[in-house]
Amino acid sequence: MSGKVRQRATANPVDQATTTVNERILRECHAVYTDREKGLLGIAENLNLKLLAPRKKITVLLIGNHSAGKSSFINWYVEEHVQRTGVAIETQGFTFVTSGKKRESLTGNATLHLYPHFKDLMKLEGVMEYLATEVSTSKQKKFSLVTFVDTPGLVDGDMKYPFDVDEAILWLGDLADLIFVFFDPMGQALCKRTLNIVERLNEKHSERIKFYLSKADEAGSETDRQRVMMQITQELCKRPGLNKCGFDMPTIYVPQLNVRSSRCVNQIDDVCKQVEKTINQTIQNTLNTLERDCEQIADIIDSKLEDDRNASSYNLRARGKGALFGFLGFILPVILLVNFLASSVSNDLLTSLLGKAGAEALQVYMAPVAGFWKSIPPDYHMHTLGALFLITLVLLFLAKWSSRLLPTLTRKQKRVLSENRDYVQDFVKGRKEALYLEYLQQSVGAADIN
């Protein structure tokens, strides 16, 4: 196929408006997370909470044997010749096809800068040199909300890939929102490599995988088509993970490539509907996730503030206990020292120093201590002093141990936490409600929305 695909009249004004609203909703949700000043990612990081920013587009992964029509389908959907097509193995690496401001081709490093959530793909040896991105200005269908990932054509035999193609596709499958599996009736539709990868993908992402018989118009008569579909279905059903009820494999082909009329039913529009359905589900999931993340952040902040209040109460009690033990540990040796000085000094000296009233008061207050000391035999005075010294050390140790404080938040930290809680609870959740309303108004009348 050469030249550009003939432009088709698509996208009526209502459809364009719907796409614009959906695109803006996803972009605003993404901005709520990534805003430099008040982004949820920054707020969550300060709370040791890991959040993931929602993507602004869905990712559709296309896999299949070589010449299965993956690149041709992308060109048809975009309505621009962005991918090379042909009988030969044209796609030897992974190509991301997305919409943008101008037509551009990006290499592997630039691709990972554009898609930072795919950076772990670098860990697979040899993949970087076979990564590319094609940016198209097309706004046809729902392309502004879709990123297609075109994968290498899969073949059996002695074909060697410059990287572990199986692991790369499986890794991409974990991040894809949709996985389209194209079976070519004229090529290696029963390629074991394709079936093995599909079986492994199906173990974790069965709800995302959709099977299609591509190039169905080239399969010959209706009988030939049915025979091919039966062979593919039988081969898939031999694998336990793929043997399921309600198996569906619509027949599709690219209309522009069909030079002559065909009686084959073309269900390619169902592929577009599947993409649009996934977009709508992604928008709903994104808005629901936004609300859950706001609740999670608010709960963590409330928990931190509550812990801080409990820590402050504990610290107040700890300071009281520490002060009490410290006072007892300090006053005991002071009393003994004062009693020793009072008993060693003559009454005349005390009267001259403290006055008559002061000397009498001191004798009254020291009388219990003096009586206690006189009751102890002189031979045990040193033992008693040692015991009292030990008691003093124990009281001082208890004072230090009981006065240990829990960490608390500063006033600034508490203010920032309160502001962040109010922000996510009032502004972000309010914005989420407004975006949900805009989304619903596309399909539901205003009178039906509470």
Protein backbone atom coordinates (compact mmCIF):
# COMPACT_ATOMS: atom_id res chain seq x y z
CA MET A 1 0.00 0.00 0.00
CA SER A 2 1.48 3.38 -1.01
CA GLY A 3 0.34 6.95 -0.60
CA LYS A 4 -2.07 8.25 1.99
CA VAL A 5 -5.30 6.57 2.85
CA ARG A 6 -8.24 8.36 1.30
CA GLN A 7 -9.90 10.68 3.82
CA ARG A 8 -13.38 9.71 4.90
CA ALA A 9 -16.22 11.86 6.10
CA THR A 10 -16.44 11.05 9.77
CA ALA A 11 -17.03 12.68 13.07
CA ASN A 12 -20.17 14.74 13.02
CA PRO A 13 -20.24 17.86 15.27
CA VAL A 14 -21.90 15.97 18.13
CA ASP A 15 -19.21 13.28 18.01
CA GLN A 16 -16.47 15.91 17.93
CA ALA A 17 -17.95 17.65 20.96
CA THR A 18 -18.15 14.36 22.84
CA THR A 19 -14.52 13.57 22.06
CA THR A 20 -13.46 17.06 23.16
CA VAL A 21 -15.25 16.74 26.49
CA ASN A 22 -13.80 13.28 27.17
CA GLU A 23 -10.32 14.42 26.23
CA ARG A 24 -10.57 17.44 28.51
CA ILE A 25 -11.85 15.33 31.42
CA LEU A 26 -8.88 12.96 31.19
CA ARG A 27 -6.44 15.87 30.84
CA GLU A 28 -7.89 17.68 33.84
CA CYS A 29 -7.75 14.52 35.94
CA HIS A 30 -4.12 14.05 34.91
CA ALA A 31 -3.35 17.68 35.80
CA VAL A 32 -4.93 17.28 39.26
CA TYR A 33 -2.35 14.61 39.99
CA THR A 34 0.70 16.22 38.37
CA ASP A 35 0.26 19.91 39.25
CA ARG A 36 3.58 21.18 40.62
CA GLU A 37 2.09 23.19 43.48
CA LYS A 38 -0.99 21.23 44.57
CA GLY A 39 -0.76 17.93 42.70
CA LEU A 40 -2.05 14.82 44.41
CA LEU A 41 1.20 13.01 43.59
CA GLY A 42 3.20 15.58 45.58
CA ILE A 43 0.74 15.58 48.47
CA ALA A 44 0.71 11.77 48.56
CA GLU A 45 4.51 11.56 48.40
CA ASN A 46 4.78 13.73 51.52
CA LEU A 47 2.42 11.26 53.22
CA ASN A 48 4.51 8.25 52.10
CA LEU A 49 1.62 7.21 49.87
CA LYS A 50 2.31 6.08 46.31
CA LEU A 51 -0.26 7.11 43.72
CA LEU A 52 -0.23 6.74 39.95
CA ALA A 53 -1.30 9.59 37.72
CA PRO A 54 -4.02 8.54 35.26
CA ARG A 55 -3.06 8.51 31.64
CA LYS A 56 -4.62 10.98 29.24
CA LYS A 57 -5.20 8.28 26.62
CA ILE A 58 -5.98 4.60 26.54
CA THR A 59 -3.36 2.19 25.22
CA VAL A 60 -4.33 -0.39 22.61
CA LEU A 61 -1.83 -3.19 22.01
CA LEU A 62 -2.05 -5.00 18.66
CA ILE A 63 -0.45 -8.42 18.29
CA GLY A 64 -0.58 -11.15 15.67
CA ASN A 65 1.41 -13.01 13.09
CA HIS A 66 3.26 -11.04 10.44
CA SER A 67 1.10 -9.57 7.69
CA ALA A 68 -1.99 -9.90 9.90
CA GLY A 69 -3.11 -6.36 9.08
CA LYS A 70 -2.15 -4.62 12.34
CA SER A 71 -0.45 -1.67 10.67
CA SER A 72 -3.16 -1.45 8.01
CA PHE A 73 -5.82 -1.24 10.72
CA ILE A 74 -3.94 1.60 12.43
CA ASN A 75 -3.67 3.49 9.14
CA TRP A 76 -7.38 2.99 8.55
CA TYR A 77 -8.34 4.15 12.04
CA VAL A 78 -6.08 7.19 11.90
CA GLU A 79 -6.98 7.81 8.24
CA GLU A 80 -3.35 8.59 7.52
CA HIS A 81 -0.51 6.43 6.26
CA VAL A 82 1.65 6.41 9.40
CA GLN A 83 2.70 2.74 9.35
CA ARG A 84 4.37 0.81 6.57
CA THR A 85 2.36 -2.16 5.34
CA GLY A 86 3.09 -5.10 3.11
CA VAL A 87 3.55 -8.84 2.86
CA ALA A 88 7.11 -8.59 4.24
CA ILE A 89 7.75 -8.16 7.94
CA GLU A 90 7.54 -4.37 7.97
CA THR A 91 7.16 -3.82 11.72
CA GLN A 92 10.30 -5.18 13.37
CA GLY A 93 10.03 -3.23 16.62
CA PHE A 94 7.42 -1.54 18.76
CA THR A 95 5.82 1.58 17.34
CA PHE A 96 3.61 3.89 19.38
CA VAL A 97 1.09 5.75 17.24
CA THR A 98 -0.49 8.77 18.89
CA SER A 99 -2.05 12.11 18.06
CA GLY A 100 -0.24 15.42 18.48
CA LYS A 101 0.24 18.95 17.22
CA LYS A 102 2.36 18.06 14.17
CA ARG A 103 3.53 15.05 12.21
CA GLU A 104 6.68 13.71 13.84
CA SER A 105 8.72 10.54 14.22
CA LEU A 106 10.43 9.90 17.55
CA THR A 107 13.22 7.49 18.43
CA GLY A 108 13.39 5.16 21.43
CA ASN A 109 14.79 7.66 23.95
CA ALA A 110 12.29 10.33 22.98
CA THR A 111 9.53 7.73 23.14
CA LEU A 112 10.32 6.93 26.76
CA HIS A 113 10.37 10.64 27.60
CA LEU A 114 6.92 10.92 26.06
CA TYR A 115 5.71 7.80 27.89
CA PRO A 116 7.57 7.74 31.25
CA HIS A 117 5.36 4.91 32.55
CA PHE A 118 6.99 2.66 29.90
CA LYS A 119 10.56 3.36 31.10
CA ASP A 120 10.95 -0.07 32.65
CA LEU A 121 10.92 -1.40 29.09
CA MET A 122 14.58 -0.32 28.97
CA LYS A 123 15.39 -3.24 31.27
CA LEU A 124 14.75 -5.65 28.39
CA GLU A 125 18.00 -5.90 26.49
CA GLY A 126 17.90 -4.66 22.90
CA VAL A 127 14.40 -3.15 22.97
CA MET A 128 15.48 0.51 23.11
CA GLU A 129 16.88 0.45 19.57
CA TYR A 130 13.57 -0.89 18.27
CA LEU A 131 11.25 1.62 19.95
CA ALA A 132 9.66 4.41 17.95
CA THR A 133 6.72 6.78 18.04
CA GLU A 134 4.72 8.15 15.15
CA VAL A 135 2.87 11.36 15.98
CA SER A 136 -0.07 12.16 13.73
CA THR A 137 -2.24 15.27 13.60
CA SER A 138 -5.31 13.18 12.80
CA LYS A 139 -8.42 13.71 14.92
CA GLN A 140 -10.48 11.01 13.22
CA LYS A 141 -12.76 8.76 15.22
CA LYS A 142 -11.48 8.68 18.83
CA PHE A 143 -7.80 8.82 17.90
CA SER A 144 -7.12 11.86 20.14
CA LEU A 145 -7.81 9.58 23.11
CA VAL A 146 -5.95 6.49 21.87
CA THR A 147 -2.35 5.37 21.68
CA PHE A 148 -1.83 2.32 19.47
CA VAL A 149 1.16 0.05 20.07
CA ASP A 150 2.07 -1.82 16.91
CA THR A 151 4.13 -4.93 17.66
CA PRO A 152 6.49 -7.03 15.53
CA GLY A 153 4.86 -9.65 13.36
CA LEU A 154 5.16 -13.03 15.07
CA VAL A 155 6.47 -16.04 13.17
CA ASP A 156 7.63 -19.54 14.01
CA GLY A 157 10.76 -21.28 12.83
CA ASP A 158 14.26 -19.86 12.64
CA MET A 159 13.21 -16.22 12.78
CA LYS A 160 15.40 -14.47 15.38
CA TYR A 161 14.41 -11.19 17.00
CA PRO A 162 17.03 -8.72 18.31
CA PHE A 163 15.32 -8.79 21.71
CA ASP A 164 13.04 -11.04 23.77
CA VAL A 165 9.86 -10.28 21.87
CA ASP A 166 7.70 -12.55 24.01
CA GLU A 167 8.66 -10.86 27.30
CA ALA A 168 8.36 -7.39 25.75
CA ILE A 169 4.80 -8.06 24.54
CA LEU A 170 3.83 -9.60 27.89
CA TRP A 171 5.24 -6.54 29.70
CA LEU A 172 3.32 -4.17 27.44
CA GLY A 173 0.20 -6.26 27.97
CA ASP A 174 0.32 -5.43 31.68
CA LEU A 175 -0.04 -1.71 30.87
CA ALA A 176 -2.41 -1.91 27.92
CA ASP A 177 -6.11 -1.10 28.30
CA LEU A 178 -7.04 -3.21 25.28
CA ILE A 179 -5.27 -6.08 23.53
CA PHE A 180 -6.31 -6.81 19.96
CA VAL A 181 -5.23 -10.18 18.56
CA PHE A 182 -5.37 -10.32 14.75
CA PHE A 183 -5.44 -13.69 12.99
CA ASP A 184 -4.62 -13.63 9.28
CA PRO A 185 -6.52 -16.36 7.37
CA MET A 186 -3.97 -16.31 4.54
CA GLY A 187 -0.80 -16.33 6.69
CA GLN A 188 0.37 -18.08 9.83
CA ALA A 189 -2.90 -17.77 11.68
CA LEU A 190 -1.95 -20.73 13.86
CA CYS A 191 1.52 -19.42 14.66
CA LYS A 192 2.53 -21.16 17.89
CA ARG A 193 4.44 -18.13 19.14
CA THR A 194 1.29 -16.01 18.82
CA LEU A 195 -0.83 -18.62 20.57
CA ASN A 196 1.69 -19.03 23.39
CA ILE A 197 1.82 -15.28 24.03
CA VAL A 198 -1.97 -14.97 23.89
CA GLU A 199 -2.32 -17.84 26.36
CA ARG A 200 0.04 -16.16 28.83
CA LEU A 201 -1.66 -12.79 28.41
CA ASN A 202 -5.02 -14.42 28.94
CA GLU A 203 -3.94 -15.68 32.37
CA LYS A 204 -3.92 -12.11 33.75
CA HIS A 205 -5.83 -9.98 31.28
CA SER A 206 -8.56 -12.11 29.75
CA GLU A 207 -11.08 -9.26 29.98
CA ARG A 208 -8.87 -7.00 27.86
CA ILE A 209 -8.19 -9.42 25.00
CA LYS A 210 -10.32 -9.27 21.84
CA PHE A 211 -9.85 -11.67 18.91
CA TYR A 212 -10.42 -10.71 15.28
CA LEU A 213 -10.14 -12.54 11.98
CA SER A 214 -8.41 -9.85 9.94
CA LYS A 215 -8.30 -9.65 6.16
CA ALA A 216 -11.48 -11.71 6.19
CA ASP A 217 -12.31 -10.65 2.63
CA GLU A 218 -9.20 -12.50 1.39
CA ALA A 219 -10.22 -15.84 2.90
CA GLY A 220 -12.08 -16.92 -0.23
CA SER A 221 -15.68 -18.05 -0.09
CA GLU A 222 -17.87 -18.08 3.01
CA THR A 223 -17.16 -21.79 3.36
CA ASP A 224 -13.42 -21.16 3.33
CA ARG A 225 -13.85 -18.42 5.94
CA GLN A 226 -15.83 -20.68 8.21
CA ARG A 227 -13.24 -23.41 7.83
CA VAL A 228 -10.43 -21.02 8.80
CA MET A 229 -12.38 -19.74 11.80
CA MET A 230 -13.08 -23.31 12.91
CA GLN A 231 -9.39 -24.20 12.68
CA ILE A 232 -8.36 -21.14 14.71
CA THR A 233 -11.11 -21.73 17.28
CA GLN A 234 -10.18 -25.39 17.67
CA GLU A 235 -6.52 -24.50 18.14
CA LEU A 236 -7.38 -21.89 20.76
CA CYS A 237 -9.72 -24.24 22.59
CA LYS A 238 -6.95 -26.83 22.91
CA ARG A 239 -5.33 -24.46 25.38
CA PRO A 240 -7.03 -24.62 28.80
CA GLY A 241 -6.77 -20.90 29.50
CA LEU A 242 -8.42 -19.96 26.21
CA ASN A 243 -11.18 -22.57 26.32
CA LYS A 244 -14.04 -20.43 27.54
CA CYS A 245 -17.71 -19.90 26.89
CA GLY A 246 -18.89 -17.04 24.73
CA PHE A 247 -15.76 -17.01 22.56
CA ASP A 248 -16.15 -14.40 19.84
CA MET A 249 -13.97 -13.62 16.83
CA PRO A 250 -15.54 -11.01 14.51
CA THR A 251 -14.45 -10.85 10.88
CA ILE A 252 -12.89 -7.57 9.83
CA TYR A 253 -11.06 -6.07 6.88
CA VAL A 254 -9.96 -2.58 5.90
CA PRO A 255 -12.53 -1.23 3.41
CA GLN A 256 -10.09 0.93 1.48
CA LEU A 257 -7.91 -2.06 0.68
CA ASN A 258 -10.81 -4.02 -0.74
CA VAL A 259 -10.58 -3.31 -4.44
CA ARG A 260 -13.61 -5.39 -5.25
CA SER A 261 -16.88 -5.86 -3.44
CA SER A 262 -17.07 -8.70 -0.96
CA ARG A 263 -19.97 -10.55 0.56
CA CYS A 264 -17.99 -11.02 3.76
CA VAL A 265 -19.56 -9.30 6.74
CA ASN A 266 -17.20 -6.54 7.87
CA GLN A 267 -17.41 -5.92 11.62
CA ILE A 268 -14.59 -3.41 11.75
CA ASP A 269 -16.94 -0.80 13.18
CA ASP A 270 -17.31 -3.08 16.21
CA VAL A 271 -13.60 -2.56 16.82
CA CYS A 272 -14.19 1.20 16.94
CA LYS A 273 -17.09 0.68 19.32
CA GLN A 274 -14.87 -1.45 21.54
CA VAL A 275 -12.29 1.34 21.62
CA GLU A 276 -14.95 3.92 22.46
CA LYS A 277 -16.40 1.67 25.17
CA THR A 278 -12.98 1.29 26.75
CA ILE A 279 -12.49 5.07 26.64
CA ASN A 280 -15.77 5.58 28.47
CA GLN A 281 -14.88 2.92 31.04
CA THR A 282 -11.46 4.54 31.51
CA ILE A 283 -13.04 7.94 32.15
CA GLN A 284 -15.40 6.48 34.74
CA ASN A 285 -12.59 4.51 36.37
CA THR A 286 -10.36 7.59 36.40
CA LEU A 287 -13.00 9.72 38.11
CA ASN A 288 -13.79 6.95 40.60
CA THR A 289 -10.09 6.48 41.33
CA LEU A 290 -9.71 10.22 41.82
CA GLU A 291 -12.39 10.17 44.51
CA ARG A 292 -10.85 7.12 46.22
CA ASP A 293 -7.40 8.73 46.22
CA CYS A 294 -8.85 11.91 47.74
CA GLU A 295 -10.52 9.86 50.47
CA GLN A 296 -7.30 7.96 51.09
CA ILE A 297 -5.27 11.17 51.37
CA ALA A 298 -7.85 12.74 53.69
CA ASP A 299 -7.93 9.63 55.89
CA ILE A 300 -4.14 9.58 56.20
CA ILE A 301 -4.06 13.29 57.07
CA ASP A 302 -6.81 12.83 59.67
CA SER A 303 -4.87 9.90 61.10
CA LYS A 304 -1.66 11.94 61.27
CA LEU A 305 -3.41 14.86 62.99
CA GLU A 306 -5.09 12.48 65.44
CA ASP A 307 -1.74 10.81 66.16
CA ASP A 308 -0.23 14.24 66.72
CA ARG A 309 -2.96 15.15 69.22
CA ASN A 310 -2.41 11.85 71.05
CA ALA A 311 1.35 12.42 71.04
CA SER A 312 0.88 15.93 72.46
CA SER A 313 -1.32 14.56 75.26
CA TYR A 314 1.22 11.82 75.98
CA ASN A 315 4.07 14.35 76.03
CA LEU A 316 2.17 16.52 78.53
CA ARG A 317 1.73 13.57 80.88
CA ALA A 318 5.35 12.51 80.33
CA ARG A 319 6.60 15.96 81.24
CA GLY A 320 4.50 15.86 84.44
CA LYS A 321 5.86 12.46 85.46
CA GLY A 322 9.41 13.51 84.64
CA ALA A 323 9.06 16.70 86.67
CA LEU A 324 7.69 14.77 89.66
CA PHE A 325 10.46 12.16 89.69
CA GLY A 326 13.08 14.82 89.02
CA PHE A 327 11.79 16.92 91.92
CA LEU A 328 11.92 13.92 94.28
CA GLY A 329 15.38 12.97 93.10
CA PHE A 330 16.59 16.54 93.61
CA ILE A 331 14.87 17.35 96.89
CA LEU A 332 16.04 14.24 98.78
CA PRO A 333 19.78 15.10 98.80
CA VAL A 334 18.95 18.77 99.41
CA ILE A 335 16.94 17.89 102.53
CA LEU A 336 19.78 15.71 103.85
CA LEU A 337 22.29 18.45 103.13
CA VAL A 338 20.18 21.10 104.89
CA ASN A 339 19.64 18.76 107.86
CA PHE A 340 23.39 18.13 108.06
CA LEU A 341 24.19 21.84 107.98
CA ALA A 342 21.46 22.68 110.49
CA SER A 343 22.68 20.04 112.95
CA SER A 344 26.31 21.05 112.52
CA VAL A 345 25.83 24.79 113.02
CA SER A 346 25.14 26.35 116.43
CA ASN A 347 21.73 27.89 117.23
CA ASP A 348 23.31 31.33 117.62
CA LEU A 349 24.75 31.18 114.08
CA LEU A 350 21.40 30.01 112.63
CA THR A 351 19.57 32.78 114.48
CA SER A 352 22.03 35.36 113.20
CA LEU A 353 21.71 34.04 109.62
CA LEU A 354 17.97 33.30 109.44
CA GLY A 355 16.59 35.25 112.33
CA LYS A 356 14.81 33.79 115.31
CA ALA A 357 11.62 32.96 113.42
CA GLY A 358 13.56 31.46 110.50
CA ALA A 359 15.73 29.34 112.77
CA GLU A 360 12.69 28.03 114.63
CA ALA A 361 10.85 27.26 111.40
CA LEU A 362 13.89 25.41 110.04
CA GLN A 363 14.12 23.31 113.21
CA VAL A 364 10.40 22.49 113.00
CA TYR A 365 10.62 21.41 109.37
CA MET A 366 13.83 19.50 109.87
CA ALA A 367 12.60 17.74 113.03
CA PRO A 368 11.22 14.66 111.15
CA VAL A 369 14.45 14.30 109.17
CA ALA A 370 16.54 14.79 112.32
CA GLY A 371 14.45 12.26 114.17
CA PHE A 372 14.78 9.77 111.31
CA TRP A 373 18.54 10.22 111.22
CA LYS A 374 18.89 9.87 115.05
CA SER A 375 16.87 6.66 114.95
CA ILE A 376 19.53 5.06 112.78
CA PRO A 377 22.48 3.60 114.69
CA PRO A 378 25.72 5.46 113.92
CA ASP A 379 27.27 2.27 112.51
CA TYR A 380 24.63 2.26 109.70
CA HIS A 381 24.89 5.93 108.73
CA MET A 382 27.13 5.20 105.74
CA HIS A 383 24.86 2.38 104.61
CA THR A 384 21.88 4.69 104.86
CA LEU A 385 23.65 7.40 102.86
CA GLY A 386 24.49 4.81 100.17
CA ALA A 387 20.87 3.66 100.03
CA LEU A 388 19.61 7.24 99.83
CA PHE A 389 22.13 7.98 97.07
CA LEU A 390 20.94 4.92 95.15
CA ILE A 391 17.31 6.01 95.58
CA THR A 392 18.24 9.45 94.25
CA LEU A 393 19.85 7.90 91.16
CA VAL A 394 16.78 5.72 90.57
CA LEU A 395 14.49 8.75 90.85
CA LEU A 396 16.62 10.76 88.43
CA PHE A 397 16.67 7.80 85.99
CA LEU A 398 12.88 7.50 86.23
CA ALA A 399 12.64 11.24 85.63
CA LYS A 400 14.66 10.94 82.42
CA TRP A 401 12.96 7.74 81.25
CA SER A 402 9.39 8.91 81.93
CA SER A 403 9.98 12.29 80.29
CA ARG A 404 10.83 10.80 76.87
CA LEU A 405 8.69 12.59 74.27
CA LEU A 406 7.03 11.39 71.11
CA PRO A 407 7.70 13.36 67.90
CA THR A 408 5.03 15.92 67.12
CA LEU A 409 4.23 18.10 64.15
CA THR A 410 5.20 21.73 63.98
CA ARG A 411 2.53 24.38 63.60
CA LYS A 412 3.52 24.82 59.96
CA GLN A 413 3.25 21.09 59.29
CA LYS A 414 -0.19 20.93 60.90
CA ARG A 415 -1.32 23.93 58.91
CA VAL A 416 -0.08 22.41 55.64
CA LEU A 417 -1.79 19.09 56.42
CA SER A 418 -5.06 20.82 57.21
CA GLU A 419 -4.85 22.88 54.01
CA ASN A 420 -4.14 19.76 51.93
CA ARG A 421 -7.07 17.92 53.52
CA ASP A 422 -9.43 20.82 52.81
CA TYR A 423 -8.03 21.05 49.27
CA VAL A 424 -8.66 17.41 48.36
CA GLN A 425 -11.98 17.23 50.19
CA ASP A 426 -13.45 20.48 48.93
CA PHE A 427 -11.73 21.55 45.71
CA VAL A 428 -10.60 18.26 44.13
CA LYS A 429 -13.72 16.27 45.00
CA GLY A 430 -15.85 19.20 43.94
CA ARG A 431 -14.02 19.33 40.62
CA LYS A 432 -14.48 15.59 40.24
CA GLU A 433 -18.24 15.98 40.73
CA ALA A 434 -18.33 18.73 38.08
CA LEU A 435 -16.37 16.58 35.61
CA TYR A 436 -18.63 13.60 36.26
CA LEU A 437 -21.63 15.82 35.58
CA GLU A 438 -20.13 16.99 32.28
CA TYR A 439 -19.44 13.39 31.31
CA LEU A 440 -22.97 12.24 32.11
CA GLN A 441 -24.57 15.19 30.30
CA GLN A 442 -23.19 13.80 27.05
CA SER A 443 -25.56 10.86 27.21
CA VAL A 444 -28.16 11.63 29.88
CA GLY A 445 -30.66 14.45 29.91
CA ALA A 446 -30.24 17.16 32.53
CA ALA A 447 -33.65 16.28 33.97
CA ASP A 448 -32.42 12.75 34.77
CA ILE A 449 -29.36 13.94 36.70
CA ASN A 450 -29.90 14.61 40.39
